[in-house]
Amino acid sequence: MLSRTADHLFWMSRYTERAENTARMLDVNYQTSMLPQSAGATLVGWEGLLSISELRPAYTAKYGEAISQRNVMEFMVCDEDNSSSIVSCLKNARENARAVRGTLTTEVWETENQTHLEVMRMLKNGDFERDPAQFFEWVKFRSHLSRGVTAGTMLQDEAFHFLRLGTFLERADNTARLVDVKFHAVQSDFLGLATEKDQEFDFYHWSSILRSVSGFEIYRKVYRDVIKPERVAELLILRADMPRSLLGCLNEVMSNLAMVTSDASSETRRRAGKLRSDLQYARIDEILANGLHAFLTQFLDRVNELGAHLSREFLVPVTK
């Protein structure tokens, strides 16, 4: 396969996954903002979203230092100048799909194309402003549809595996950012200083984190207990059977890498295998004792390096 073709497939799936992840975070923050809480706590949540996506400087350049729900949502949904906004991600996914139209099945291309056309129509008609929650559900559904059509209609050859690599690298990056930022928002549980009021707020906080990765029901099934921060961290980092956990994503990255290269000495495979091994044999108590933030910061650096090596070895080595 040509490296340029692989590059378009890889980024098509990354942009689709990024749009879904952004919709998930915005949806949970929007729902949480309607709970009884101080104005300061609400603003912390919206500022956290900008931090997760590393968009605070770009937001400040456009809107100034003041944070508001309206501006953050507009910036992360509708702003075509923001390359990480939902509309930009869906547009870029469609453009990458168009560039490799002959490699995709008709169903996959039509799904990507229709998603882009439909999101532009919805924004023009004001559907997002009328019902943000419904809009976010639509974005998530279209991402699910894209993955389902890909798995159900494409030959499972190299093209398919590069699509999967893009999906799971993006998902691992997003989950790590989410856990890092959201866990720093509530320190009382870890410090043993939580009051009864803190604990009531924390329940909704941890629940929102789980819901943002479709993990609330999974948590109940696995732990059958009240929500505890250390178990939330374990679920989202170390559970291989959790679809959006860091270990689950790295397992998928490794299996798809193995299908696109037979070179056991591949630097990309070596780095991915070492990162997966470090997660596979880690324990959550050791991670928390050594510092969750430090662990996740190092993980993000290693995922970015892995993506860079993958680009140099298989794709077109350009910055996107």
C-alpha atoms as a PDB file:
ATOM      1  CA  MET A   1       0.000   0.000   0.000  1.00  0.00           C
ATOM      2  CA  LEU A   2       1.197   3.525  -0.793  1.00  0.00           C
ATOM      3  CA  SER A   3       2.187   5.473   2.307  1.00  0.00           C
ATOM      4  CA  ARG A   4      -0.007   8.398   1.259  1.00  0.00           C
ATOM      5  CA  THR A   5      -3.056   6.128   1.050  1.00  0.00           C
ATOM      6  CA  ALA A   6      -2.293   4.704   4.485  1.00  0.00           C
ATOM      7  CA  ASP A   7      -1.872   8.246   5.806  1.00  0.00           C
ATOM      8  CA  HIS A   8      -5.320   9.347   4.596  1.00  0.00           C
ATOM      9  CA  LEU A   9      -6.971   6.246   6.051  1.00  0.00           C
ATOM     10  CA  PHE A  10      -5.177   6.699   9.379  1.00  0.00           C
ATOM     11  CA  TRP A  11      -6.226  10.340   9.705  1.00  0.00           C
ATOM     12  CA  MET A  12      -9.759   9.735   8.474  1.00  0.00           C
ATOM     13  CA  SER A  13     -10.375   7.436  11.422  1.00  0.00           C
ATOM     14  CA  ARG A  14      -8.506   9.677  13.880  1.00  0.00           C
ATOM     15  CA  TYR A  15     -10.615  12.698  12.981  1.00  0.00           C
ATOM     16  CA  THR A  16     -13.842  10.685  13.250  1.00  0.00           C
ATOM     17  CA  GLU A  17     -12.811   9.390  16.677  1.00  0.00           C
ATOM     18  CA  ARG A  18     -11.760  12.891  17.783  1.00  0.00           C
ATOM     19  CA  ALA A  19     -15.154  14.314  16.831  1.00  0.00           C
ATOM     20  CA  GLU A  20     -16.860  11.631  18.915  1.00  0.00           C
ATOM     21  CA  ASN A  21     -14.568  12.180  21.904  1.00  0.00           C
ATOM     22  CA  THR A  22     -15.173  15.929  21.782  1.00  0.00           C
ATOM     23  CA  ALA A  23     -18.931  15.357  21.630  1.00  0.00           C
ATOM     24  CA  ARG A  24     -18.728  12.988  24.616  1.00  0.00           C
ATOM     25  CA  MET A  25     -16.853  15.487  26.773  1.00  0.00           C
ATOM     26  CA  LEU A  26     -19.066  18.413  25.799  1.00  0.00           C
ATOM     27  CA  ASP A  27     -22.227  16.388  26.397  1.00  0.00           C
ATOM     28  CA  VAL A  28     -21.211  15.327  29.902  1.00  0.00           C
ATOM     29  CA  ASN A  29     -20.089  18.850  30.808  1.00  0.00           C
ATOM     30  CA  TYR A  30     -23.340  20.291  29.452  1.00  0.00           C
ATOM     31  CA  GLN A  31     -25.424  17.815  31.482  1.00  0.00           C
ATOM     32  CA  THR A  32     -23.310  18.388  34.611  1.00  0.00           C
ATOM     33  CA  SER A  33     -23.599  22.174  34.283  1.00  0.00           C
ATOM     34  CA  MET A  34     -27.346  21.863  34.926  1.00  0.00           C
ATOM     35  CA  LEU A  35     -26.799  20.261  38.346  1.00  0.00           C
ATOM     36  CA  PRO A  36     -26.938  22.489  41.469  1.00  0.00           C
ATOM     37  CA  GLN A  37     -23.416  23.894  41.885  1.00  0.00           C
ATOM     38  CA  SER A  38     -21.597  27.196  42.174  1.00  0.00           C
ATOM     39  CA  ALA A  39     -20.821  29.300  39.137  1.00  0.00           C
ATOM     40  CA  GLY A  40     -17.124  28.805  39.878  1.00  0.00           C
ATOM     41  CA  ALA A  41     -17.416  25.008  39.779  1.00  0.00           C
ATOM     42  CA  THR A  42     -19.231  25.227  36.446  1.00  0.00           C
ATOM     43  CA  LEU A  43     -16.509  27.392  34.918  1.00  0.00           C
ATOM     44  CA  VAL A  44     -13.801  25.003  36.172  1.00  0.00           C
ATOM     45  CA  GLY A  45     -15.486  22.244  34.185  1.00  0.00           C
ATOM     46  CA  TRP A  46     -15.518  24.258  30.954  1.00  0.00           C
ATOM     47  CA  GLU A  47     -11.934  25.376  31.465  1.00  0.00           C
ATOM     48  CA  GLY A  48     -11.002  21.732  31.980  1.00  0.00           C
ATOM     49  CA  LEU A  49     -12.352  20.868  28.529  1.00  0.00           C
ATOM     50  CA  LEU A  50     -10.053  23.418  26.930  1.00  0.00           C
ATOM     51  CA  SER A  51      -7.128  21.994  28.912  1.00  0.00           C
ATOM     52  CA  ILE A  52      -7.891  18.412  27.853  1.00  0.00           C
ATOM     53  CA  SER A  53      -7.745  19.416  24.196  1.00  0.00           C
ATOM     54  CA  GLU A  54      -4.857  21.886  24.646  1.00  0.00           C
ATOM     55  CA  LEU A  55      -7.068  24.607  23.218  1.00  0.00           C
ATOM     56  CA  ARG A  56      -6.792  27.269  25.940  1.00  0.00           C
ATOM     57  CA  PRO A  57      -4.297  29.491  24.032  1.00  0.00           C
ATOM     58  CA  ALA A  58      -6.397  29.373  20.838  1.00  0.00           C
ATOM     59  CA  TYR A  59      -9.581  30.080  22.825  1.00  0.00           C
ATOM     60  CA  THR A  60      -7.959  33.007  24.661  1.00  0.00           C
ATOM     61  CA  ALA A  61      -6.728  34.503  21.391  1.00  0.00           C
ATOM     62  CA  LYS A  62     -10.298  34.559  20.073  1.00  0.00           C
ATOM     63  CA  TYR A  63     -12.478  35.189  23.147  1.00  0.00           C
ATOM     64  CA  GLY A  64     -10.124  36.635  25.752  1.00  0.00           C
ATOM     65  CA  GLU A  65      -9.431  35.294  29.243  1.00  0.00           C
ATOM     66  CA  ALA A  66     -13.072  35.017  30.321  1.00  0.00           C
ATOM     67  CA  ILE A  67     -14.524  31.495  30.143  1.00  0.00           C
ATOM     68  CA  SER A  68     -18.205  31.008  29.331  1.00  0.00           C
ATOM     69  CA  GLN A  69     -20.242  27.935  28.475  1.00  0.00           C
ATOM     70  CA  ARG A  70     -21.609  29.504  25.304  1.00  0.00           C
ATOM     71  CA  ASN A  71     -18.202  30.483  23.950  1.00  0.00           C
ATOM     72  CA  VAL A  72     -16.527  27.168  24.787  1.00  0.00           C
ATOM     73  CA  MET A  73     -19.294  25.160  23.142  1.00  0.00           C
ATOM     74  CA  GLU A  74     -19.297  27.375  20.046  1.00  0.00           C
ATOM     75  CA  PHE A  75     -15.499  27.166  19.828  1.00  0.00           C
ATOM     76  CA  MET A  76     -15.396  23.363  20.193  1.00  0.00           C
ATOM     77  CA  VAL A  77     -18.404  22.610  17.977  1.00  0.00           C
ATOM     78  CA  CYS A  78     -18.859  25.202  15.240  1.00  0.00           C
ATOM     79  CA  ASP A  79     -15.556  27.045  14.802  1.00  0.00           C
ATOM     80  CA  GLU A  80     -13.991  26.006  11.495  1.00  0.00           C
ATOM     81  CA  ASP A  81     -10.804  27.896  12.430  1.00  0.00           C
ATOM     82  CA  ASN A  82     -10.351  25.452  15.323  1.00  0.00           C
ATOM     83  CA  SER A  83      -8.911  22.279  13.768  1.00  0.00           C
ATOM     84  CA  SER A  84     -10.132  20.218  16.743  1.00  0.00           C
ATOM     85  CA  SER A  85     -13.755  21.400  16.653  1.00  0.00           C
ATOM     86  CA  ILE A  86     -16.423  18.851  15.779  1.00  0.00           C
ATOM     87  CA  VAL A  87     -17.242  20.480  12.449  1.00  0.00           C
ATOM     88  CA  SER A  88     -13.544  20.669  11.489  1.00  0.00           C
ATOM     89  CA  CYS A  89     -12.923  17.044  12.465  1.00  0.00           C
ATOM     90  CA  LEU A  90     -15.862  15.770  10.425  1.00  0.00           C
ATOM     91  CA  LYS A  91     -14.806  17.920   7.480  1.00  0.00           C
ATOM     92  CA  ASN A  92     -11.230  16.619   7.655  1.00  0.00           C
ATOM     93  CA  ALA A  93     -12.433  13.022   7.992  1.00  0.00           C
ATOM     94  CA  ARG A  94     -14.503  13.480   4.833  1.00  0.00           C
ATOM     95  CA  GLU A  95     -11.621  15.085   2.923  1.00  0.00           C
ATOM     96  CA  ASN A  96      -9.258  12.251   3.836  1.00  0.00           C
ATOM     97  CA  ALA A  97     -11.925   9.728   2.788  1.00  0.00           C
ATOM     98  CA  ARG A  98     -12.403  11.548  -0.533  1.00  0.00           C
ATOM     99  CA  ALA A  99      -8.674  11.333  -1.232  1.00  0.00           C
ATOM    100  CA  VAL A 100      -8.786   7.521  -1.001  1.00  0.00           C
ATOM    101  CA  ARG A 101     -12.289   7.023  -2.361  1.00  0.00           C
ATOM    102  CA  GLY A 102     -11.198   4.031  -4.425  1.00  0.00           C
ATOM    103  CA  THR A 103      -9.834   2.208  -1.371  1.00  0.00           C
ATOM    104  CA  LEU A 104     -13.077   2.497   0.616  1.00  0.00           C
ATOM    105  CA  THR A 105     -16.319   0.648   0.023  1.00  0.00           C
ATOM    106  CA  THR A 106     -19.267   2.668  -1.242  1.00  0.00           C
ATOM    107  CA  GLU A 107     -20.959   2.360   2.159  1.00  0.00           C
ATOM    108  CA  VAL A 108     -17.964   3.775   4.050  1.00  0.00           C
ATOM    109  CA  TRP A 109     -17.563   6.731   1.671  1.00  0.00           C
ATOM    110  CA  GLU A 110     -21.281   7.553   1.714  1.00  0.00           C
ATOM    111  CA  THR A 111     -21.297   7.438   5.523  1.00  0.00           C
ATOM    112  CA  GLU A 112     -18.395   9.913   5.815  1.00  0.00           C
ATOM    113  CA  ASN A 113     -19.773  12.177   3.099  1.00  0.00           C
ATOM    114  CA  GLN A 114     -23.308  12.218   4.479  1.00  0.00           C
ATOM    115  CA  THR A 115     -22.038  12.919   8.000  1.00  0.00           C
ATOM    116  CA  HIS A 116     -20.209  16.028   6.805  1.00  0.00           C
ATOM    117  CA  LEU A 117     -23.130  17.293   4.724  1.00  0.00           C
ATOM    118  CA  GLU A 118     -25.601  16.639   7.522  1.00  0.00           C
ATOM    119  CA  VAL A 119     -23.566  18.374  10.241  1.00  0.00           C
ATOM    120  CA  MET A 120     -23.274  21.492   8.062  1.00  0.00           C
ATOM    121  CA  ARG A 121     -27.037  21.472   7.502  1.00  0.00           C
ATOM    122  CA  MET A 122     -27.750  21.002  11.228  1.00  0.00           C
ATOM    123  CA  LEU A 123     -25.498  23.874  12.246  1.00  0.00           C
ATOM    124  CA  LYS A 124     -26.966  26.146   9.572  1.00  0.00           C
ATOM    125  CA  ASN A 125     -30.517  25.350  10.749  1.00  0.00           C
ATOM    126  CA  GLY A 126     -29.655  25.982  14.412  1.00  0.00           C
ATOM    127  CA  ASP A 127     -30.222  22.382  15.545  1.00  0.00           C
ATOM    128  CA  PHE A 128     -27.199  22.560  17.856  1.00  0.00           C
ATOM    129  CA  GLU A 129     -28.399  25.695  19.659  1.00  0.00           C
ATOM    130  CA  ARG A 130     -31.930  24.290  20.095  1.00  0.00           C
ATOM    131  CA  ASP A 131     -30.859  20.960  21.591  1.00  0.00           C
ATOM    132  CA  PRO A 132     -27.123  20.487  22.261  1.00  0.00           C
ATOM    133  CA  ALA A 133     -27.646  17.100  23.940  1.00  0.00           C
ATOM    134  CA  GLN A 134     -29.421  15.699  20.890  1.00  0.00           C
ATOM    135  CA  PHE A 135     -26.701  17.064  18.611  1.00  0.00           C
ATOM    136  CA  PHE A 136     -23.969  15.376  20.667  1.00  0.00           C
ATOM    137  CA  GLU A 137     -25.853  12.072  20.546  1.00  0.00           C
ATOM    138  CA  TRP A 138     -26.041  12.412  16.766  1.00  0.00           C
ATOM    139  CA  VAL A 139     -22.264  12.917  16.505  1.00  0.00           C
ATOM    140  CA  LYS A 140     -21.627   9.841  18.643  1.00  0.00           C
ATOM    141  CA  PHE A 141     -24.081   7.804  16.575  1.00  0.00           C
ATOM    142  CA  ARG A 142     -22.396   8.802  13.305  1.00  0.00           C
ATOM    143  CA  SER A 143     -19.014   7.756  14.698  1.00  0.00           C
ATOM    144  CA  HIS A 144     -20.445   4.399  15.775  1.00  0.00           C
ATOM    145  CA  LEU A 145     -21.978   4.051  12.318  1.00  0.00           C
ATOM    146  CA  SER A 146     -18.660   4.803  10.626  1.00  0.00           C
ATOM    147  CA  ARG A 147     -16.839   2.123  12.622  1.00  0.00           C
ATOM    148  CA  GLY A 148     -19.657  -0.370  12.124  1.00  0.00           C
ATOM    149  CA  VAL A 149     -19.836   0.137   8.361  1.00  0.00           C
ATOM    150  CA  THR A 150     -16.047  -0.137   8.140  1.00  0.00           C
ATOM    151  CA  ALA A 151     -15.996  -3.425  10.068  1.00  0.00           C
ATOM    152  CA  GLY A 152     -19.022  -4.768   8.223  1.00  0.00           C
ATOM    153  CA  THR A 153     -18.168  -3.935   4.602  1.00  0.00           C
ATOM    154  CA  MET A 154     -14.388  -3.540   4.170  1.00  0.00           C
ATOM    155  CA  LEU A 155     -11.932  -6.275   3.373  1.00  0.00           C
ATOM    156  CA  GLN A 156      -9.760  -6.766   6.450  1.00  0.00           C
ATOM    157  CA  ASP A 157      -6.542  -5.922   4.650  1.00  0.00           C
ATOM    158  CA  GLU A 158      -3.909  -3.254   5.310  1.00  0.00           C
ATOM    159  CA  ALA A 159      -6.389  -0.434   4.648  1.00  0.00           C
ATOM    160  CA  PHE A 160      -8.674  -1.735   7.376  1.00  0.00           C
ATOM    161  CA  HIS A 161      -5.806  -2.072   9.866  1.00  0.00           C
ATOM    162  CA  PHE A 162      -4.589   1.502   9.296  1.00  0.00           C
ATOM    163  CA  LEU A 163      -8.127   2.712   9.971  1.00  0.00           C
ATOM    164  CA  ARG A 164      -8.135   0.790  13.253  1.00  0.00           C
ATOM    165  CA  LEU A 165      -4.704   2.121  14.210  1.00  0.00           C
ATOM    166  CA  GLY A 166      -5.932   5.692  13.845  1.00  0.00           C
ATOM    167  CA  THR A 167      -9.018   4.996  15.932  1.00  0.00           C
ATOM    168  CA  PHE A 168      -7.239   3.436  18.893  1.00  0.00           C
ATOM    169  CA  LEU A 169      -4.264   5.779  19.028  1.00  0.00           C
ATOM    170  CA  GLU A 170      -6.675   8.725  19.125  1.00  0.00           C
ATOM    171  CA  ARG A 171      -8.838   7.009  21.744  1.00  0.00           C
ATOM    172  CA  ALA A 172      -5.867   6.217  24.002  1.00  0.00           C
ATOM    173  CA  ASP A 173      -4.681   9.826  23.813  1.00  0.00           C
ATOM    174  CA  ASN A 174      -8.125  11.192  24.638  1.00  0.00           C
ATOM    175  CA  THR A 175      -8.785   8.837  27.562  1.00  0.00           C
ATOM    176  CA  ALA A 176      -5.428   9.710  29.131  1.00  0.00           C
ATOM    177  CA  ARG A 177      -6.125  13.447  28.819  1.00  0.00           C
ATOM    178  CA  LEU A 178      -9.621  13.030  30.255  1.00  0.00           C
ATOM    179  CA  VAL A 179      -8.444  11.067  33.299  1.00  0.00           C
ATOM    180  CA  ASP A 180      -5.542  13.455  33.947  1.00  0.00           C
ATOM    181  CA  VAL A 181      -7.600  16.654  33.896  1.00  0.00           C
ATOM    182  CA  LYS A 182     -10.720  15.338  35.597  1.00  0.00           C
ATOM    183  CA  PHE A 183      -8.878  13.631  38.451  1.00  0.00           C
ATOM    184  CA  HIS A 184      -7.089  16.878  39.274  1.00  0.00           C
ATOM    185  CA  ALA A 185     -10.460  18.627  39.530  1.00  0.00           C
ATOM    186  CA  VAL A 186     -11.317  16.653  42.691  1.00  0.00           C
ATOM    187  CA  GLN A 187      -8.482  16.225  45.175  1.00  0.00           C
ATOM    188  CA  SER A 188     -10.447  15.643  48.401  1.00  0.00           C
ATOM    189  CA  ASP A 189     -10.909  11.889  47.926  1.00  0.00           C
ATOM    190  CA  PHE A 190      -7.212  11.242  47.602  1.00  0.00           C
ATOM    191  CA  LEU A 191      -6.275  13.529  50.477  1.00  0.00           C
ATOM    192  CA  GLY A 192      -8.835  12.006  52.847  1.00  0.00           C
ATOM    193  CA  LEU A 193     -10.422  15.415  53.467  1.00  0.00           C
ATOM    194  CA  ALA A 194     -13.795  14.876  51.819  1.00  0.00           C
ATOM    195  CA  THR A 195     -16.798  16.266  53.678  1.00  0.00           C
ATOM    196  CA  GLU A 196     -20.292  14.870  53.257  1.00  0.00           C
ATOM    197  CA  LYS A 197     -21.072  17.660  50.804  1.00  0.00           C
ATOM    198  CA  ASP A 198     -17.848  16.934  48.916  1.00  0.00           C
ATOM    199  CA  GLN A 199     -18.777  13.272  48.654  1.00  0.00           C
ATOM    200  CA  GLU A 200     -22.190  14.130  47.203  1.00  0.00           C
ATOM    201  CA  PHE A 201     -20.579  16.340  44.538  1.00  0.00           C
ATOM    202  CA  ASP A 202     -17.837  13.791  43.897  1.00  0.00           C
ATOM    203  CA  PHE A 203     -20.411  11.100  43.098  1.00  0.00           C
ATOM    204  CA  TYR A 204     -21.700  13.197  40.191  1.00  0.00           C
ATOM    205  CA  HIS A 205     -18.139  14.085  39.193  1.00  0.00           C
ATOM    206  CA  TRP A 206     -16.953  10.471  38.992  1.00  0.00           C
ATOM    207  CA  SER A 207     -20.232   9.430  37.363  1.00  0.00           C
ATOM    208  CA  SER A 208     -19.743  12.067  34.661  1.00  0.00           C
ATOM    209  CA  ILE A 209     -16.233  10.808  33.945  1.00  0.00           C
ATOM    210  CA  LEU A 210     -17.543   7.271  33.537  1.00  0.00           C
ATOM    211  CA  ARG A 211     -20.463   8.362  31.374  1.00  0.00           C
ATOM    212  CA  SER A 212     -18.145  10.332  29.083  1.00  0.00           C
ATOM    213  CA  VAL A 213     -16.472   7.047  28.100  1.00  0.00           C
ATOM    214  CA  SER A 214     -19.652   4.910  28.295  1.00  0.00           C
ATOM    215  CA  GLY A 215     -18.202   3.301  31.408  1.00  0.00           C
ATOM    216  CA  PHE A 216     -20.887   3.855  34.071  1.00  0.00           C
ATOM    217  CA  GLU A 217     -22.755   0.589  33.476  1.00  0.00           C
ATOM    218  CA  ILE A 218     -19.469  -1.279  33.002  1.00  0.00           C
ATOM    219  CA  TYR A 219     -18.234   0.018  36.365  1.00  0.00           C
ATOM    220  CA  ARG A 220     -21.397  -1.227  38.089  1.00  0.00           C
ATOM    221  CA  LYS A 221     -21.050  -4.621  36.439  1.00  0.00           C
ATOM    222  CA  VAL A 222     -17.359  -5.025  37.276  1.00  0.00           C
ATOM    223  CA  TYR A 223     -17.162  -3.612  40.810  1.00  0.00           C
ATOM    224  CA  ARG A 224     -20.749  -3.799  42.113  1.00  0.00           C
ATOM    225  CA  ASP A 225     -19.965  -1.064  44.639  1.00  0.00           C
ATOM    226  CA  VAL A 226     -20.092   2.679  45.173  1.00  0.00           C
ATOM    227  CA  ILE A 227     -17.970   4.726  42.811  1.00  0.00           C
ATOM    228  CA  LYS A 228     -14.431   5.132  44.148  1.00  0.00           C
ATOM    229  CA  PRO A 229     -11.791   7.225  42.357  1.00  0.00           C
ATOM    230  CA  GLU A 230      -9.078   4.574  42.507  1.00  0.00           C
ATOM    231  CA  ARG A 231     -11.404   2.064  40.847  1.00  0.00           C
ATOM    232  CA  VAL A 232     -12.413   4.575  38.189  1.00  0.00           C
ATOM    233  CA  ALA A 233      -8.709   5.046  37.457  1.00  0.00           C
ATOM    234  CA  GLU A 234      -8.139   1.285  37.337  1.00  0.00           C
ATOM    235  CA  LEU A 235     -11.066   0.775  34.954  1.00  0.00           C
ATOM    236  CA  LEU A 236      -9.959   3.501  32.554  1.00  0.00           C
ATOM    237  CA  ILE A 237      -6.266   2.661  32.643  1.00  0.00           C
ATOM    238  CA  LEU A 238      -5.655  -1.037  33.322  1.00  0.00           C
ATOM    239  CA  ARG A 239      -8.796  -3.031  32.416  1.00  0.00           C
ATOM    240  CA  ALA A 240      -8.084  -4.773  29.110  1.00  0.00           C
ATOM    241  CA  ASP A 241     -11.776  -5.614  28.655  1.00  0.00           C
ATOM    242  CA  MET A 242     -12.855  -1.967  28.914  1.00  0.00           C
ATOM    243  CA  PRO A 243     -13.152  -0.689  25.282  1.00  0.00           C
ATOM    244  CA  ARG A 244     -11.831   2.799  26.042  1.00  0.00           C
ATOM    245  CA  SER A 245      -9.168   1.948  28.612  1.00  0.00           C
ATOM    246  CA  LEU A 246      -5.518   2.696  27.901  1.00  0.00           C
ATOM    247  CA  LEU A 247      -4.593  -0.996  27.994  1.00  0.00           C
ATOM    248  CA  GLY A 248      -7.553  -1.953  25.788  1.00  0.00           C
ATOM    249  CA  CYS A 249      -6.493   0.620  23.192  1.00  0.00           C
ATOM    250  CA  LEU A 250      -2.841  -0.498  23.232  1.00  0.00           C
ATOM    251  CA  ASN A 251      -3.893  -4.120  22.776  1.00  0.00           C
ATOM    252  CA  GLU A 252      -5.747  -3.068  19.618  1.00  0.00           C
ATOM    253  CA  VAL A 253      -2.808  -0.989  18.415  1.00  0.00           C
ATOM    254  CA  MET A 254      -0.461  -3.970  18.829  1.00  0.00           C
ATOM    255  CA  SER A 255      -2.746  -6.437  17.053  1.00  0.00           C
ATOM    256  CA  ASN A 256      -3.233  -4.103  14.086  1.00  0.00           C
ATOM    257  CA  LEU A 257       0.471  -3.227  13.879  1.00  0.00           C
ATOM    258  CA  ALA A 258       1.240  -6.929  13.674  1.00  0.00           C
ATOM    259  CA  MET A 259      -1.003  -7.147  10.598  1.00  0.00           C
ATOM    260  CA  VAL A 260       0.708  -4.358   8.636  1.00  0.00           C
ATOM    261  CA  THR A 261       4.323  -5.346   9.225  1.00  0.00           C
ATOM    262  CA  SER A 262       6.168  -8.639   9.406  1.00  0.00           C
ATOM    263  CA  ASP A 263       9.313  -6.916  10.633  1.00  0.00           C
ATOM    264  CA  ALA A 264       9.772  -7.978  14.239  1.00  0.00           C
ATOM    265  CA  SER A 265      12.520  -5.360  14.642  1.00  0.00           C
ATOM    266  CA  SER A 266      10.151  -2.530  13.734  1.00  0.00           C
ATOM    267  CA  GLU A 267      10.774   0.416  16.059  1.00  0.00           C
ATOM    268  CA  THR A 268       7.071   1.238  16.078  1.00  0.00           C
ATOM    269  CA  ARG A 269       6.160  -2.293  17.189  1.00  0.00           C
ATOM    270  CA  ARG A 270       8.925  -2.276  19.804  1.00  0.00           C
ATOM    271  CA  ARG A 271       7.704   0.961  21.361  1.00  0.00           C
ATOM    272  CA  ALA A 272       4.056  -0.095  21.230  1.00  0.00           C
ATOM    273  CA  GLY A 273       4.889  -3.469  22.785  1.00  0.00           C
ATOM    274  CA  LYS A 274       6.905  -1.889  25.599  1.00  0.00           C
ATOM    275  CA  LEU A 275       4.133   0.606  26.371  1.00  0.00           C
ATOM    276  CA  ARG A 276       1.509  -2.146  26.325  1.00  0.00           C
ATOM    277  CA  SER A 277       3.676  -4.331  28.582  1.00  0.00           C
ATOM    278  CA  ASP A 278       4.129  -1.494  31.097  1.00  0.00           C
ATOM    279  CA  LEU A 279       0.354  -1.122  31.303  1.00  0.00           C
ATOM    280  CA  GLN A 280      -0.327  -4.858  31.367  1.00  0.00           C
ATOM    281  CA  TYR A 281       1.829  -5.462  34.437  1.00  0.00           C
ATOM    282  CA  ALA A 282       1.108  -2.219  36.278  1.00  0.00           C
ATOM    283  CA  ARG A 283      -0.975  -1.984  39.464  1.00  0.00           C
ATOM    284  CA  ILE A 284      -3.225   0.928  40.253  1.00  0.00           C
ATOM    285  CA  ASP A 285      -1.959   1.328  43.830  1.00  0.00           C
ATOM    286  CA  GLU A 286       1.601   1.727  42.536  1.00  0.00           C
ATOM    287  CA  ILE A 287       0.478   4.241  39.902  1.00  0.00           C
ATOM    288  CA  LEU A 288      -1.386   6.348  42.479  1.00  0.00           C
ATOM    289  CA  ALA A 289       1.508   6.132  44.961  1.00  0.00           C
ATOM    290  CA  ASN A 290       3.989   7.380  42.365  1.00  0.00           C
ATOM    291  CA  GLY A 291       1.633  10.082  41.085  1.00  0.00           C
ATOM    292  CA  LEU A 292      -1.218   9.712  38.595  1.00  0.00           C
ATOM    293  CA  HIS A 293      -0.420  12.976  36.816  1.00  0.00           C
ATOM    294  CA  ALA A 294       3.215  12.005  36.246  1.00  0.00           C
ATOM    295  CA  PHE A 295       2.158   8.580  34.956  1.00  0.00           C
ATOM    296  CA  LEU A 296      -0.378  10.004  32.499  1.00  0.00           C
ATOM    297  CA  THR A 297       1.950  12.770  31.316  1.00  0.00           C
ATOM    298  CA  GLN A 298       4.587  10.152  30.526  1.00  0.00           C
ATOM    299  CA  PHE A 299       1.968   7.976  28.815  1.00  0.00           C
ATOM    300  CA  LEU A 300       0.865  10.866  26.577  1.00  0.00           C
ATOM    301  CA  ASP A 301       4.472  11.611  25.637  1.00  0.00           C
ATOM    302  CA  ARG A 302       5.012   7.957  24.715  1.00  0.00           C
ATOM    303  CA  VAL A 303       1.791   7.783  22.683  1.00  0.00           C
ATOM    304  CA  ASN A 304       2.826  10.905  20.769  1.00  0.00           C
ATOM    305  CA  GLU A 305       6.254   9.380  20.117  1.00  0.00           C
ATOM    306  CA  LEU A 306       4.568   6.176  18.980  1.00  0.00           C
ATOM    307  CA  GLY A 307       2.423   8.141  16.539  1.00  0.00           C
ATOM    308  CA  ALA A 308       5.514   9.934  15.236  1.00  0.00           C
ATOM    309  CA  HIS A 309       7.369   6.659  14.674  1.00  0.00           C
ATOM    310  CA  LEU A 310       4.325   5.165  12.966  1.00  0.00           C
ATOM    311  CA  SER A 311       4.204   8.175  10.631  1.00  0.00           C
ATOM    312  CA  ARG A 312       7.899   7.877   9.764  1.00  0.00           C
ATOM    313  CA  GLU A 313       7.725   4.122   9.204  1.00  0.00           C
ATOM    314  CA  PHE A 314       4.408   3.752   7.381  1.00  0.00           C
ATOM    315  CA  LEU A 315       2.788   7.110   6.594  1.00  0.00           C
ATOM    316  CA  VAL A 316       3.549  10.511   5.130  1.00  0.00           C
ATOM    317  CA  PRO A 317       5.602  12.198   7.880  1.00  0.00           C
ATOM    318  CA  VAL A 318       3.766  15.517   8.050  1.00  0.00           C
ATOM    319  CA  THR A 319       2.214  17.381  10.961  1.00  0.00           C
ATOM    320  CA  LYS A 320      -1.595  17.311  11.044  1.00  0.00           C
END
